[in-house]
PDB file of N, CA and C in Angstrom:
ATOM      1  N   MET A   1     -56.212  43.742  81.528  1.00  0.00           N
ATOM      2  CA  MET A   1     -56.822  42.350  81.491  1.00  0.00           C
ATOM      3  C   MET A   1     -58.134  42.368  82.567  1.00  0.00           C
ATOM      4  N   SER A   2     -59.459  41.887  82.092  1.00  0.00           N
ATOM      5  CA  SER A   2     -60.093  41.631  83.009  1.00  0.00           C
ATOM      6  C   SER A   2     -60.105  40.714  83.849  1.00  0.00           C
ATOM      7  N   SER A   3     -60.989  40.820  85.405  1.00  0.00           N
ATOM      8  CA  SER A   3     -60.749  39.852  86.103  1.00  0.00           C
ATOM      9  C   SER A   3     -61.502  38.783  85.947  1.00  0.00           C
ATOM     10  N   ALA A   4     -60.445  37.387  86.186  1.00  0.00           N
ATOM     11  CA  ALA A   4     -61.192  36.589  85.941  1.00  0.00           C
ATOM     12  C   ALA A   4     -61.569  35.345  87.385  1.00  0.00           C
ATOM     13  N   PRO A   5     -62.449  34.388  87.277  1.00  0.00           N
ATOM     14  CA  PRO A   5     -62.812  33.744  88.298  1.00  0.00           C
ATOM     15  C   PRO A   5     -61.662  33.062  89.003  1.00  0.00           C
ATOM     16  N   GLU A   6     -62.004  32.718  90.179  1.00  0.00           N
ATOM     17  CA  GLU A   6     -61.223  32.067  90.997  1.00  0.00           C
ATOM     18  C   GLU A   6     -61.001  30.642  90.781  1.00  0.00           C
ATOM     19  N   LEU A   7     -59.455  29.864  90.204  1.00  0.00           N
ATOM     20  CA  LEU A   7     -59.790  28.407  89.989  1.00  0.00           C
ATOM     21  C   LEU A   7     -59.025  27.729  90.844  1.00  0.00           C
ATOM     22  N   ILE A   8     -59.358  26.175  91.209  1.00  0.00           N
ATOM     23  CA  ILE A   8     -58.920  25.574  92.129  1.00  0.00           C
ATOM     24  C   ILE A   8     -58.500  24.407  91.421  1.00  0.00           C
ATOM     25  N   PHE A   9     -57.068  24.000  91.592  1.00  0.00           N
ATOM     26  CA  PHE A   9     -56.428  23.049  90.867  1.00  0.00           C
ATOM     27  C   PHE A   9     -56.512  21.787  92.137  1.00  0.00           C
ATOM     28  N   VAL A  10     -57.116  20.395  91.770  1.00  0.00           N
ATOM     29  CA  VAL A  10     -56.516  19.669  92.513  1.00  0.00           C
ATOM     30  C   VAL A  10     -56.005  18.430  91.999  1.00  0.00           C
ATOM     31  N   TYR A  11     -54.766  18.329  92.728  1.00  0.00           N
ATOM     32  CA  TYR A  11     -53.938  17.216  91.728  1.00  0.00           C
ATOM     33  C   TYR A  11     -54.230  15.864  92.537  1.00  0.00           C
ATOM     34  N   ASN A  12     -54.253  15.029  91.866  1.00  0.00           N
ATOM     35  CA  ASN A  12     -54.494  13.089  92.022  1.00  0.00           C
ATOM     36  C   ASN A  12     -53.253  12.881  92.731  1.00  0.00           C
ATOM     37  N   ALA A  13     -52.903  13.168  93.737  1.00  0.00           N
ATOM     38  CA  ALA A  13     -51.736  13.299  94.628  1.00  0.00           C
ATOM     39  C   ALA A  13     -51.771  13.514  96.011  1.00  0.00           C
ATOM     40  N   ASP A  14     -50.985  12.903  96.512  1.00  0.00           N
ATOM     41  CA  ASP A  14     -50.708  13.524  98.156  1.00  0.00           C
ATOM     42  C   ASP A  14     -49.623  14.310  98.195  1.00  0.00           C
ATOM     43  N   LEU A  15     -49.404  15.136  99.237  1.00  0.00           N
ATOM     44  CA  LEU A  15     -48.528  15.823  99.933  1.00  0.00           C
ATOM     45  C   LEU A  15     -47.504  15.163 100.096  1.00  0.00           C
ATOM     46  N   GLY A  16     -46.221  15.951  99.827  1.00  0.00           N
ATOM     47  CA  GLY A  16     -45.106  15.539 100.915  1.00  0.00           C
ATOM     48  C   GLY A  16     -44.043  14.641 100.305  1.00  0.00           C
ATOM     49  N   ALA A  17     -42.925  15.066 100.497  1.00  0.00           N
ATOM     50  CA  ALA A  17     -41.468  14.571  99.484  1.00  0.00           C
ATOM     51  C   ALA A  17     -41.395  13.428  99.126  1.00  0.00           C
ATOM     52  N   PHE A  18     -42.007  12.778 100.074  1.00  0.00           N
ATOM     53  CA  PHE A  18     -41.830  11.020 100.046  1.00  0.00           C
ATOM     54  C   PHE A  18     -42.604  10.873  98.419  1.00  0.00           C
ATOM     55  N   ASN A  19     -44.192  11.675  98.499  1.00  0.00           N
ATOM     56  CA  ASN A  19     -44.434  11.269  97.464  1.00  0.00           C
ATOM     57  C   ASN A  19     -44.433  11.643  96.259  1.00  0.00           C
ATOM     58  N   ALA A  20     -43.885  12.971  96.483  1.00  0.00           N
ATOM     59  CA  ALA A  20     -43.084  13.744  95.232  1.00  0.00           C
ATOM     60  C   ALA A  20     -41.847  12.556  94.432  1.00  0.00           C
ATOM     61  N   ILE A  21     -41.239  12.348  95.478  1.00  0.00           N
ATOM     62  CA  ILE A  21     -40.502  11.665  94.720  1.00  0.00           C
ATOM     63  C   ILE A  21     -41.090   9.980  93.864  1.00  0.00           C
ATOM     64  N   LYS A  22     -41.889   9.445  94.966  1.00  0.00           N
ATOM     65  CA  LYS A  22     -42.412   8.561  94.494  1.00  0.00           C
ATOM     66  C   LYS A  22     -43.156   8.845  92.735  1.00  0.00           C
ATOM     67  N   ASP A  23     -43.900   9.496  92.908  1.00  0.00           N
ATOM     68  CA  ASP A  23     -44.934  10.047  91.893  1.00  0.00           C
ATOM     69  C   ASP A  23     -43.775  10.562  90.688  1.00  0.00           C
ATOM     70  N   SER A  24     -43.066  10.901  91.103  1.00  0.00           N
ATOM     71  CA  SER A  24     -41.870  11.666  89.779  1.00  0.00           C
ATOM     72  C   SER A  24     -41.253  10.126  89.395  1.00  0.00           C
ATOM     73  N   LEU A  25     -40.897   9.254  89.813  1.00  0.00           N
ATOM     74  CA  LEU A  25     -40.630   8.222  89.328  1.00  0.00           C
ATOM     75  C   LEU A  25     -41.863   7.223  88.677  1.00  0.00           C
ATOM     76  N   HIS A  26     -42.814   7.060  89.155  1.00  0.00           N
ATOM     77  CA  HIS A  26     -43.890   6.403  88.320  1.00  0.00           C
ATOM     78  C   HIS A  26     -43.965   6.921  87.254  1.00  0.00           C
ATOM     79  N   LYS A  27     -44.289   8.588  86.800  1.00  0.00           N
ATOM     80  CA  LYS A  27     -44.273   9.484  85.470  1.00  0.00           C
ATOM     81  C   LYS A  27     -43.105   8.827  84.723  1.00  0.00           C
ATOM     82  N   TRP A  28     -41.971   8.658  85.423  1.00  0.00           N
ATOM     83  CA  TRP A  28     -40.802   8.437  84.502  1.00  0.00           C
ATOM     84  C   TRP A  28     -41.183   6.419  84.116  1.00  0.00           C
ATOM     85  N   LEU A  29     -41.151   5.698  84.724  1.00  0.00           N
ATOM     86  CA  LEU A  29     -41.131   4.533  84.408  1.00  0.00           C
ATOM     87  C   LEU A  29     -42.317   3.715  83.910  1.00  0.00           C
ATOM     88  N   LYS A  30     -43.765   4.121  84.472  1.00  0.00           N
ATOM     89  CA  LYS A  30     -44.732   3.852  83.977  1.00  0.00           C
ATOM     90  C   LYS A  30     -45.865   4.989  83.206  1.00  0.00           C
ATOM     91  N   PRO A  31     -45.498   6.260  82.790  1.00  0.00           N
ATOM     92  CA  PRO A  31     -46.293   7.210  82.533  1.00  0.00           C
ATOM     93  C   PRO A  31     -47.759   6.580  81.631  1.00  0.00           C
ATOM     94  N   GLU A  32     -47.922   5.518  81.381  1.00  0.00           N
ATOM     95  CA  GLU A  32     -49.088   5.467  81.010  1.00  0.00           C
ATOM     96  C   GLU A  32     -50.186   4.814  82.108  1.00  0.00           C
ATOM     97  N   SER A  33     -49.630   4.299  83.349  1.00  0.00           N
ATOM     98  CA  SER A  33     -50.800   4.227  84.317  1.00  0.00           C
ATOM     99  C   SER A  33     -50.347   5.554  85.342  1.00  0.00           C
ATOM    100  N   TYR A  34     -49.776   6.491  85.266  1.00  0.00           N
ATOM    101  CA  TYR A  34     -49.886   7.457  86.555  1.00  0.00           C
ATOM    102  C   TYR A  34     -51.169   8.410  86.403  1.00  0.00           C
ATOM    103  N   SER A  35     -51.729   8.294  87.448  1.00  0.00           N
ATOM    104  CA  SER A  35     -53.107   8.829  87.993  1.00  0.00           C
ATOM    105  C   SER A  35     -53.151  10.041  88.088  1.00  0.00           C
ATOM    106  N   CYS A  36     -52.488  11.503  87.538  1.00  0.00           N
ATOM    107  CA  CYS A  36     -52.681  12.433  87.806  1.00  0.00           C
ATOM    108  C   CYS A  36     -52.196  12.728  86.586  1.00  0.00           C
ATOM    109  N   THR A  37     -53.255  13.096  85.578  1.00  0.00           N
ATOM    110  CA  THR A  37     -53.022  14.085  84.208  1.00  0.00           C
ATOM    111  C   THR A  37     -52.385  14.876  84.214  1.00  0.00           C
ATOM    112  N   LEU A  38     -53.175  15.756  85.643  1.00  0.00           N
ATOM    113  CA  LEU A  38     -52.942  17.234  85.789  1.00  0.00           C
ATOM    114  C   LEU A  38     -51.530  17.241  86.235  1.00  0.00           C
ATOM    115  N   CYS A  39     -50.953  16.792  86.765  1.00  0.00           N
ATOM    116  CA  CYS A  39     -49.535  16.712  87.391  1.00  0.00           C
ATOM    117  C   CYS A  39     -48.583  16.372  85.950  1.00  0.00           C
ATOM    118  N   SER A  40     -48.748  15.346  84.968  1.00  0.00           N
ATOM    119  CA  SER A  40     -48.390  15.330  83.843  1.00  0.00           C
ATOM    120  C   SER A  40     -48.141  16.611  82.530  1.00  0.00           C
ATOM    121  N   LEU A  41     -49.418  17.269  82.964  1.00  0.00           N
ATOM    122  CA  LEU A  41     -49.390  18.453  82.031  1.00  0.00           C
ATOM    123  C   LEU A  41     -48.627  19.921  82.755  1.00  0.00           C
ATOM    124  N   THR A  42     -48.716  19.896  84.146  1.00  0.00           N
ATOM    125  CA  THR A  42     -48.069  20.786  84.551  1.00  0.00           C
ATOM    126  C   THR A  42     -46.513  20.685  85.219  1.00  0.00           C
ATOM    127  N   HIS A  43     -46.251  19.640  85.170  1.00  0.00           N
ATOM    128  CA  HIS A  43     -45.080  19.737  85.922  1.00  0.00           C
ATOM    129  C   HIS A  43     -44.038  18.409  84.930  1.00  0.00           C
ATOM    130  N   ASN A  44     -42.681  18.994  84.860  1.00  0.00           N
ATOM    131  CA  ASN A  44     -41.781  18.027  84.400  1.00  0.00           C
ATOM    132  C   ASN A  44     -40.604  17.295  85.453  1.00  0.00           C
ATOM    133  N   PHE A  45     -39.873  16.120  85.119  1.00  0.00           N
ATOM    134  CA  PHE A  45     -39.235  15.672  85.941  1.00  0.00           C
ATOM    135  C   PHE A  45     -38.457  16.623  87.073  1.00  0.00           C
ATOM    136  N   ILE A  46     -38.460  17.822  86.502  1.00  0.00           N
ATOM    137  CA  ILE A  46     -37.570  18.941  87.387  1.00  0.00           C
ATOM    138  C   ILE A  46     -38.437  19.787  88.345  1.00  0.00           C
ATOM    139  N   GLY A  47     -39.877  19.648  88.010  1.00  0.00           N
ATOM    140  CA  GLY A  47     -40.560  20.424  88.702  1.00  0.00           C
ATOM    141  C   GLY A  47     -41.747  21.487  87.778  1.00  0.00           C
ATOM    142  N   GLU A  48     -42.037  22.386  87.967  1.00  0.00           N
ATOM    143  CA  GLU A  48     -43.207  23.283  87.319  1.00  0.00           C
ATOM    144  C   GLU A  48     -42.754  23.204  85.788  1.00  0.00           C
ATOM    145  N   ALA A  49     -43.317  23.076  84.682  1.00  0.00           N
ATOM    146  CA  ALA A  49     -42.682  23.657  83.617  1.00  0.00           C
ATOM    147  C   ALA A  49     -43.158  25.146  83.549  1.00  0.00           C
ATOM    148  N   LYS A  50     -42.076  25.650  82.996  1.00  0.00           N
ATOM    149  CA  LYS A  50     -41.853  27.278  83.027  1.00  0.00           C
ATOM    150  C   LYS A  50     -43.302  27.673  81.969  1.00  0.00           C
ATOM    151  N   ASP A  51     -44.075  27.288  81.224  1.00  0.00           N
ATOM    152  CA  ASP A  51     -44.917  27.787  80.416  1.00  0.00           C
ATOM    153  C   ASP A  51     -46.387  27.783  81.638  1.00  0.00           C
ATOM    154  N   TRP A  52     -46.165  26.684  81.883  1.00  0.00           N
ATOM    155  CA  TRP A  52     -46.993  26.847  83.386  1.00  0.00           C
ATOM    156  C   TRP A  52     -46.875  27.939  84.568  1.00  0.00           C
ATOM    157  N   LYS A  53     -45.873  28.081  84.751  1.00  0.00           N
ATOM    158  CA  LYS A  53     -45.309  29.322  85.748  1.00  0.00           C
ATOM    159  C   LYS A  53     -45.623  30.578  85.022  1.00  0.00           C
ATOM    160  N   ARG A  54     -45.225  30.384  83.570  1.00  0.00           N
ATOM    161  CA  ARG A  54     -46.030  32.054  82.982  1.00  0.00           C
ATOM    162  C   ARG A  54     -47.299  31.949  82.978  1.00  0.00           C
ATOM    163  N   PHE A  55     -48.208  31.189  82.686  1.00  0.00           N
ATOM    164  CA  PHE A  55     -49.758  31.208  82.462  1.00  0.00           C
ATOM    165  C   PHE A  55     -50.047  31.747  84.297  1.00  0.00           C
ATOM    166  N   LYS A  56     -49.408  30.976  85.151  1.00  0.00           N
ATOM    167  CA  LYS A  56     -50.046  31.219  86.805  1.00  0.00           C
ATOM    168  C   LYS A  56     -49.808  32.879  87.020  1.00  0.00           C
ATOM    169  N   SER A  57     -48.884  33.000  86.222  1.00  0.00           N
ATOM    170  CA  SER A  57     -48.718  34.781  86.594  1.00  0.00           C
ATOM    171  C   SER A  57     -48.904  35.616  86.367  1.00  0.00           C
ATOM    172  N   ALA A  58     -49.407  35.162  84.751  1.00  0.00           N
ATOM    173  CA  ALA A  58     -50.273  36.332  83.765  1.00  0.00           C
ATOM    174  C   ALA A  58     -51.780  35.827  84.156  1.00  0.00           C
ATOM    175  N   TYR A  59     -52.030  35.024  84.713  1.00  0.00           N
ATOM    176  CA  TYR A  59     -53.954  34.975  85.125  1.00  0.00           C
ATOM    177  C   TYR A  59     -54.570  36.103  86.023  1.00  0.00           C
ATOM    178  N   PRO A  60     -55.567  36.758  85.655  1.00  0.00           N
ATOM    179  CA  PRO A  60     -55.936  37.562  86.014  1.00  0.00           C
ATOM    180  C   PRO A  60     -56.936  37.792  86.997  1.00  0.00           C
ATOM    181  N   GLY A  61     -56.690  36.361  87.519  1.00  0.00           N
ATOM    182  CA  GLY A  61     -57.659  36.047  89.051  1.00  0.00           C
ATOM    183  C   GLY A  61     -57.029  35.360  89.799  1.00  0.00           C
ATOM    184  N   GLU A  62     -57.413  34.792  90.694  1.00  0.00           N
ATOM    185  CA  GLU A  62     -57.028  34.181  91.868  1.00  0.00           C
ATOM    186  C   GLU A  62     -56.771  32.459  91.357  1.00  0.00           C
ATOM    187  N   LEU A  63     -55.549  31.773  91.832  1.00  0.00           N
ATOM    188  CA  LEU A  63     -55.485  30.257  91.286  1.00  0.00           C
ATOM    189  C   LEU A  63     -54.974  30.249  92.762  1.00  0.00           C
ATOM    190  N   SER A  64     -55.585  28.577  92.931  1.00  0.00           N
ATOM    191  CA  SER A  64     -55.322  27.925  94.356  1.00  0.00           C
ATOM    192  C   SER A  64     -54.949  26.397  93.999  1.00  0.00           C
ATOM    193  N   PHE A  65     -54.171  25.850  94.481  1.00  0.00           N
ATOM    194  CA  PHE A  65     -53.327  24.494  94.059  1.00  0.00           C
ATOM    195  C   PHE A  65     -53.804  23.573  95.543  1.00  0.00           C
ATOM    196  N   TYR A  66     -54.325  22.565  95.201  1.00  0.00           N
ATOM    197  CA  TYR A  66     -54.334  21.557  96.466  1.00  0.00           C
ATOM    198  C   TYR A  66     -53.720  19.904  95.780  1.00  0.00           C
ATOM    199  N   HIS A  67     -52.932  19.089  96.941  1.00  0.00           N
ATOM    200  CA  HIS A  67     -53.092  17.756  96.757  1.00  0.00           C
ATOM    201  C   HIS A  67     -54.236  17.799  97.375  1.00  0.00           C
ATOM    202  N   LYS A  68     -54.434  16.162  96.760  1.00  0.00           N
ATOM    203  CA  LYS A  68     -55.831  15.462  96.950  1.00  0.00           C
ATOM    204  C   LYS A  68     -56.339  15.420  98.497  1.00  0.00           C
ATOM    205  N   ASP A  69     -55.263  15.404  99.271  1.00  0.00           N
ATOM    206  CA  ASP A  69     -55.269  14.976 100.588  1.00  0.00           C
ATOM    207  C   ASP A  69     -55.852  16.601 101.628  1.00  0.00           C
ATOM    208  N   GLU A  70     -54.821  17.537 100.774  1.00  0.00           N
ATOM    209  CA  GLU A  70     -54.836  18.763 101.012  1.00  0.00           C
ATOM    210  C   GLU A  70     -56.323  19.103 101.094  1.00  0.00           C
ATOM    211  N   PHE A  71     -56.740  18.927  99.585  1.00  0.00           N
ATOM    212  CA  PHE A  71     -58.207  19.707  99.351  1.00  0.00           C
ATOM    213  C   PHE A  71     -58.992  18.776 100.484  1.00  0.00           C
ATOM    214  N   LEU A  72     -59.309  17.653 100.125  1.00  0.00           N
ATOM    215  CA  LEU A  72     -60.225  16.653 101.156  1.00  0.00           C
ATOM    216  C   LEU A  72     -60.040  17.086 102.449  1.00  0.00           C
ATOM    217  N   LYS A  73     -59.307  17.815 103.268  1.00  0.00           N
ATOM    218  CA  LYS A  73     -59.302  18.077 104.662  1.00  0.00           C
ATOM    219  C   LYS A  73     -59.743  19.275 104.747  1.00  0.00           C
ATOM    220  N   VAL A  74     -59.723  20.681 103.678  1.00  0.00           N
ATOM    221  CA  VAL A  74     -59.689  21.831 103.760  1.00  0.00           C
ATOM    222  C   VAL A  74     -61.352  21.907 103.448  1.00  0.00           C
ATOM    223  N   PHE A  75     -61.759  21.427 102.538  1.00  0.00           N
ATOM    224  CA  PHE A  75     -62.936  21.419 101.709  1.00  0.00           C
ATOM    225  C   PHE A  75     -64.354  19.951 102.673  1.00  0.00           C
ATOM    226  N   ALA A  76     -63.738  19.359 103.020  1.00  0.00           N
ATOM    227  CA  ALA A  76     -64.525  18.027 103.298  1.00  0.00           C
ATOM    228  C   ALA A  76     -66.087  18.526 104.123  1.00  0.00           C
ATOM    229  N   SER A  77     -65.883  19.617 104.587  1.00  0.00           N
ATOM    230  CA  SER A  77     -66.848  19.832 105.726  1.00  0.00           C
ATOM    231  C   SER A  77     -67.850  21.164 105.116  1.00  0.00           C
ATOM    232  N   LYS A  78     -67.182  21.642 104.144  1.00  0.00           N
ATOM    233  CA  LYS A  78     -68.371  22.628 103.154  1.00  0.00           C
ATOM    234  C   LYS A  78     -68.476  22.250 102.258  1.00  0.00           C
ATOM    235  N   TRP A  79     -68.009  21.236 101.372  1.00  0.00           N
ATOM    236  CA  TRP A  79     -68.621  20.765 100.320  1.00  0.00           C
ATOM    237  C   TRP A  79     -68.661  18.917 100.322  1.00  0.00           C
ATOM    238  N   LEU A  80     -69.768  19.081 100.036  1.00  0.00           N
ATOM    239  CA  LEU A  80     -70.259  17.547 100.238  1.00  0.00           C
ATOM    240  C   LEU A  80     -70.273  16.855  99.037  1.00  0.00           C
ATOM    241  N   ALA A  81     -69.794  17.565  97.923  1.00  0.00           N
ATOM    242  CA  ALA A  81     -69.902  16.686  96.671  1.00  0.00           C
ATOM    243  C   ALA A  81     -68.904  15.956  96.500  1.00  0.00           C
ATOM    244  N   LYS A  82     -68.799  14.247  95.485  1.00  0.00           N
ATOM    245  CA  LYS A  82     -67.397  14.191  95.445  1.00  0.00           C
ATOM    246  C   LYS A  82     -67.153  14.060  94.073  1.00  0.00           C
ATOM    247  N   TYR A  83     -65.796  14.178  93.964  1.00  0.00           N
ATOM    248  CA  TYR A  83     -65.245  14.813  93.046  1.00  0.00           C
ATOM    249  C   TYR A  83     -64.000  13.596  92.693  1.00  0.00           C
ATOM    250  N   GLU A  84     -63.828  13.254  90.870  1.00  0.00           N
ATOM    251  CA  GLU A  84     -63.082  12.703  90.424  1.00  0.00           C
ATOM    252  C   GLU A  84     -61.922  13.666  90.223  1.00  0.00           C
ATOM    253  N   PHE A  85     -60.399  12.661  90.785  1.00  0.00           N
ATOM    254  CA  PHE A  85     -59.522  13.416  90.966  1.00  0.00           C
ATOM    255  C   PHE A  85     -58.524  12.888  89.764  1.00  0.00           C
ATOM    256  N   PRO A  86     -57.446  13.827  89.160  1.00  0.00           N
ATOM    257  CA  PRO A  86     -57.698  15.206  89.385  1.00  0.00           C
ATOM    258  C   PRO A  86     -58.686  16.627  88.859  1.00  0.00           C
ATOM    259  N   VAL A  87     -59.144  17.263  89.332  1.00  0.00           N
ATOM    260  CA  VAL A  87     -59.887  18.348  88.628  1.00  0.00           C
ATOM    261  C   VAL A  87     -59.440  19.761  88.606  1.00  0.00           C
ATOM    262  N   VAL A  88     -59.880  20.827  87.757  1.00  0.00           N
ATOM    263  CA  VAL A  88     -60.038  22.156  88.164  1.00  0.00           C
ATOM    264  C   VAL A  88     -61.501  22.094  88.538  1.00  0.00           C
ATOM    265  N   LEU A  89     -61.627  23.293  89.255  1.00  0.00           N
ATOM    266  CA  LEU A  89     -62.810  23.974  89.989  1.00  0.00           C
ATOM    267  C   LEU A  89     -63.108  25.231  89.780  1.00  0.00           C
ATOM    268  N   ILE A  90     -64.047  25.830  89.706  1.00  0.00           N
ATOM    269  CA  ILE A  90     -64.032  27.163  89.560  1.00  0.00           C
ATOM    270  C   ILE A  90     -64.708  27.250  90.537  1.00  0.00           C
ATOM    271  N   LYS A  91     -64.967  28.708  91.560  1.00  0.00           N
ATOM    272  CA  LYS A  91     -65.505  29.286  92.583  1.00  0.00           C
ATOM    273  C   LYS A  91     -66.382  30.210  91.677  1.00  0.00           C
ATOM    274  N   GLU A  92     -67.602  30.005  92.267  1.00  0.00           N
ATOM    275  CA  GLU A  92     -69.006  30.522  91.431  1.00  0.00           C
ATOM    276  C   GLU A  92     -69.470  30.846  92.993  1.00  0.00           C
ATOM    277  N   ASN A  93     -69.786  32.149  93.024  1.00  0.00           N
ATOM    278  CA  ASN A  93     -70.943  32.410  94.667  1.00  0.00           C
ATOM    279  C   ASN A  93     -69.947  31.886  95.494  1.00  0.00           C
ATOM    280  N   GLU A  94     -70.831  31.071  96.336  1.00  0.00           N
ATOM    281  CA  GLU A  94     -70.413  30.476  97.412  1.00  0.00           C
ATOM    282  C   GLU A  94     -69.963  29.099  97.042  1.00  0.00           C
ATOM    283  N   GLY A  95     -69.947  28.329  95.875  1.00  0.00           N
ATOM    284  CA  GLY A  95     -69.697  26.709  95.750  1.00  0.00           C
ATOM    285  C   GLY A  95     -68.839  26.759  94.581  1.00  0.00           C
ATOM    286  N   LEU A  96     -68.593  25.814  94.863  1.00  0.00           N
ATOM    287  CA  LEU A  96     -67.373  25.028  93.637  1.00  0.00           C
ATOM    288  C   LEU A  96     -67.820  24.282  92.501  1.00  0.00           C
ATOM    289  N   GLU A  97     -67.972  24.559  91.503  1.00  0.00           N
ATOM    290  CA  GLU A  97     -68.468  23.848  89.993  1.00  0.00           C
ATOM    291  C   GLU A  97     -67.016  23.241  89.353  1.00  0.00           C
ATOM    292  N   VAL A  98     -67.306  21.783  88.574  1.00  0.00           N
ATOM    293  CA  VAL A  98     -66.410  21.314  88.007  1.00  0.00           C
ATOM    294  C   VAL A  98     -66.041  22.255  86.847  1.00  0.00           C
ATOM    295  N   PHE A  99     -64.702  22.595  86.545  1.00  0.00           N
ATOM    296  CA  PHE A  99     -64.528  23.410  85.611  1.00  0.00           C
ATOM    297  C   PHE A  99     -64.165  22.516  84.124  1.00  0.00           C
ATOM    298  N   ILE A 100     -63.241  21.642  84.690  1.00  0.00           N
ATOM    299  CA  ILE A 100     -62.230  20.913  84.011  1.00  0.00           C
ATOM    300  C   ILE A 100     -62.371  19.198  84.551  1.00  0.00           C
ATOM    301  N   GLY A 101     -62.866  18.359  84.345  1.00  0.00           N
ATOM    302  CA  GLY A 101     -63.149  17.261  85.042  1.00  0.00           C
ATOM    303  C   GLY A 101     -61.892  16.101  85.059  1.00  0.00           C
ATOM    304  N   ALA A 102     -61.419  15.028  85.499  1.00  0.00           N
ATOM    305  CA  ALA A 102     -60.696  13.973  85.509  1.00  0.00           C
ATOM    306  C   ALA A 102     -60.521  13.722  83.863  1.00  0.00           C
ATOM    307  N   LYS A 103     -61.681  13.245  83.048  1.00  0.00           N
ATOM    308  CA  LYS A 103     -61.858  12.749  82.034  1.00  0.00           C
ATOM    309  C   LYS A 103     -61.476  13.460  80.730  1.00  0.00           C
ATOM    310  N   GLU A 104     -62.018  14.837  81.470  1.00  0.00           N
ATOM    311  CA  GLU A 104     -61.192  15.838  80.060  1.00  0.00           C
ATOM    312  C   GLU A 104     -59.875  16.346  79.984  1.00  0.00           C
ATOM    313  N   LEU A 105     -59.268  16.210  81.218  1.00  0.00           N
ATOM    314  CA  LEU A 105     -57.891  16.599  81.575  1.00  0.00           C
ATOM    315  C   LEU A 105     -56.796  15.520  81.035  1.00  0.00           C
ATOM    316  N   ALA A 106     -57.754  13.907  81.146  1.00  0.00           N
ATOM    317  CA  ALA A 106     -56.907  13.236  80.370  1.00  0.00           C
ATOM    318  C   ALA A 106     -57.086  13.568  78.824  1.00  0.00           C
ATOM    319  N   SER A 107     -57.768  13.869  78.596  1.00  0.00           N
ATOM    320  CA  SER A 107     -58.248  13.572  76.940  1.00  0.00           C
ATOM    321  C   SER A 107     -57.042  14.639  76.577  1.00  0.00           C
ATOM    322  N   LEU A 108     -56.642  15.680  77.222  1.00  0.00           N
ATOM    323  CA  LEU A 108     -55.537  17.188  76.510  1.00  0.00           C
ATOM    324  C   LEU A 108     -53.964  16.490  76.278  1.00  0.00           C
ATOM    325  N   HIS A 109     -53.829  16.622  75.465  1.00  0.00           N
ATOM    326  CA  HIS A 109     -52.218  16.038  75.082  1.00  0.00           C
ATOM    327  C   HIS A 109     -51.138  16.642  75.375  1.00  0.00           C
ATOM    328  N   ASP A 110     -50.885  18.434  75.986  1.00  0.00           N
ATOM    329  CA  ASP A 110     -50.341  19.080  76.264  1.00  0.00           C
ATOM    330  C   ASP A 110     -50.593  20.193  76.783  1.00  0.00           C
ATOM    331  N   LEU A 111     -49.648  20.899  78.173  1.00  0.00           N
ATOM    332  CA  LEU A 111     -49.639  21.944  78.082  1.00  0.00           C
ATOM    333  C   LEU A 111     -50.308  22.951  77.909  1.00  0.00           C
ATOM    334  N   ASN A 112     -50.015  23.103  76.428  1.00  0.00           N
ATOM    335  CA  ASN A 112     -50.692  23.975  75.536  1.00  0.00           C
ATOM    336  C   ASN A 112     -52.085  23.944  75.913  1.00  0.00           C
ATOM    337  N   ALA A 113     -52.502  22.583  75.600  1.00  0.00           N
ATOM    338  CA  ALA A 113     -53.804  22.263  75.517  1.00  0.00           C
ATOM    339  C   ALA A 113     -54.704  22.759  76.370  1.00  0.00           C
ATOM    340  N   LEU A 114     -54.176  22.556  77.836  1.00  0.00           N
ATOM    341  CA  LEU A 114     -54.628  22.789  79.153  1.00  0.00           C
ATOM    342  C   LEU A 114     -54.471  24.586  79.185  1.00  0.00           C
ATOM    343  N   ILE A 115     -53.913  25.095  78.587  1.00  0.00           N
ATOM    344  CA  ILE A 115     -53.717  26.789  78.897  1.00  0.00           C
ATOM    345  C   ILE A 115     -54.859  27.208  77.826  1.00  0.00           C
ATOM    346  N   LEU A 116     -54.890  26.728  76.866  1.00  0.00           N
ATOM    347  CA  LEU A 116     -55.626  27.306  75.879  1.00  0.00           C
ATOM    348  C   LEU A 116     -57.347  26.819  76.084  1.00  0.00           C
ATOM    349  N   ARG A 117     -57.501  26.112  76.728  1.00  0.00           N
ATOM    350  CA  ARG A 117     -58.860  25.399  77.053  1.00  0.00           C
ATOM    351  C   ARG A 117     -59.559  26.621  78.201  1.00  0.00           C
ATOM    352  N   ILE A 118     -58.433  26.675  79.228  1.00  0.00           N
ATOM    353  CA  ILE A 118     -58.873  27.440  80.446  1.00  0.00           C
ATOM    354  C   ILE A 118     -59.134  28.824  79.505  1.00  0.00           C
ATOM    355  N   GLN A 119     -58.116  29.838  78.389  1.00  0.00           N
ATOM    356  CA  GLN A 119     -58.452  30.861  78.190  1.00  0.00           C
ATOM    357  C   GLN A 119     -59.590  30.737  77.444  1.00  0.00           C
ATOM    358  N   TYR A 120     -59.451  29.935  76.416  1.00  0.00           N
ATOM    359  CA  TYR A 120     -60.988  29.539  75.981  1.00  0.00           C
ATOM    360  C   TYR A 120     -62.338  29.450  76.793  1.00  0.00           C
ATOM    361  N   ARG A 121     -62.921  29.016  77.439  1.00  0.00           N
ATOM    362  CA  ARG A 121     -63.782  28.951  78.380  1.00  0.00           C
ATOM    363  C   ARG A 121     -64.256  29.921  79.093  1.00  0.00           C
ATOM    364  N   LEU A 122     -62.768  30.872  79.626  1.00  0.00           N
ATOM    365  CA  LEU A 122     -63.147  31.925  80.500  1.00  0.00           C
ATOM    366  C   LEU A 122     -62.936  33.260  79.265  1.00  0.00           C
ATOM    367  N   ASN A 123     -62.893  33.095  78.345  1.00  0.00           N
ATOM    368  CA  ASN A 123     -62.596  33.928  77.017  1.00  0.00           C
ATOM    369  C   ASN A 123     -61.647  35.157  77.647  1.00  0.00           C
ATOM    370  N   LEU A 124     -60.889  34.570  77.816  1.00  0.00           N
ATOM    371  CA  LEU A 124     -59.078  35.258  77.805  1.00  0.00           C
ATOM    372  C   LEU A 124     -58.470  35.266  77.006  1.00  0.00           C
ATOM    373  N   SER A 125     -57.750  36.477  76.222  1.00  0.00           N
ATOM    374  CA  SER A 125     -56.794  36.035  75.363  1.00  0.00           C
ATOM    375  C   SER A 125     -55.637  35.590  75.826  1.00  0.00           C
ATOM    376  N   PRO A 126     -54.933  34.897  74.915  1.00  0.00           N
ATOM    377  CA  PRO A 126     -53.660  33.935  75.167  1.00  0.00           C
ATOM    378  C   PRO A 126     -52.771  34.971  74.848  1.00  0.00           C
TER     379      PRO A 126
END
């Protein structure tokens, strides 16, 4: 498999055990108002979805994952662009570009759709 570009996934959630519990409860009690569609696609109530783990281990490039608060701390001084979260970014040259934006993530119906979108855009074999 050929090398693929680095993708950076930024969840619309903050780091920490309390936040993880709060987010899980929110997804369960009021899924229609939960603000992180990326979390909803890649995680279930007990953690990462098996198909997501499989995709991550097979991806031929680097994948980075951040909670929103982590991303803003790490990249705030380097990248002045504002992003709507959640977002998937692609590292190109010395910059970051939106690869899959928040609205597009919200339009995806399941994890398989996300994986296929990534593979299609990068011309990767499923």
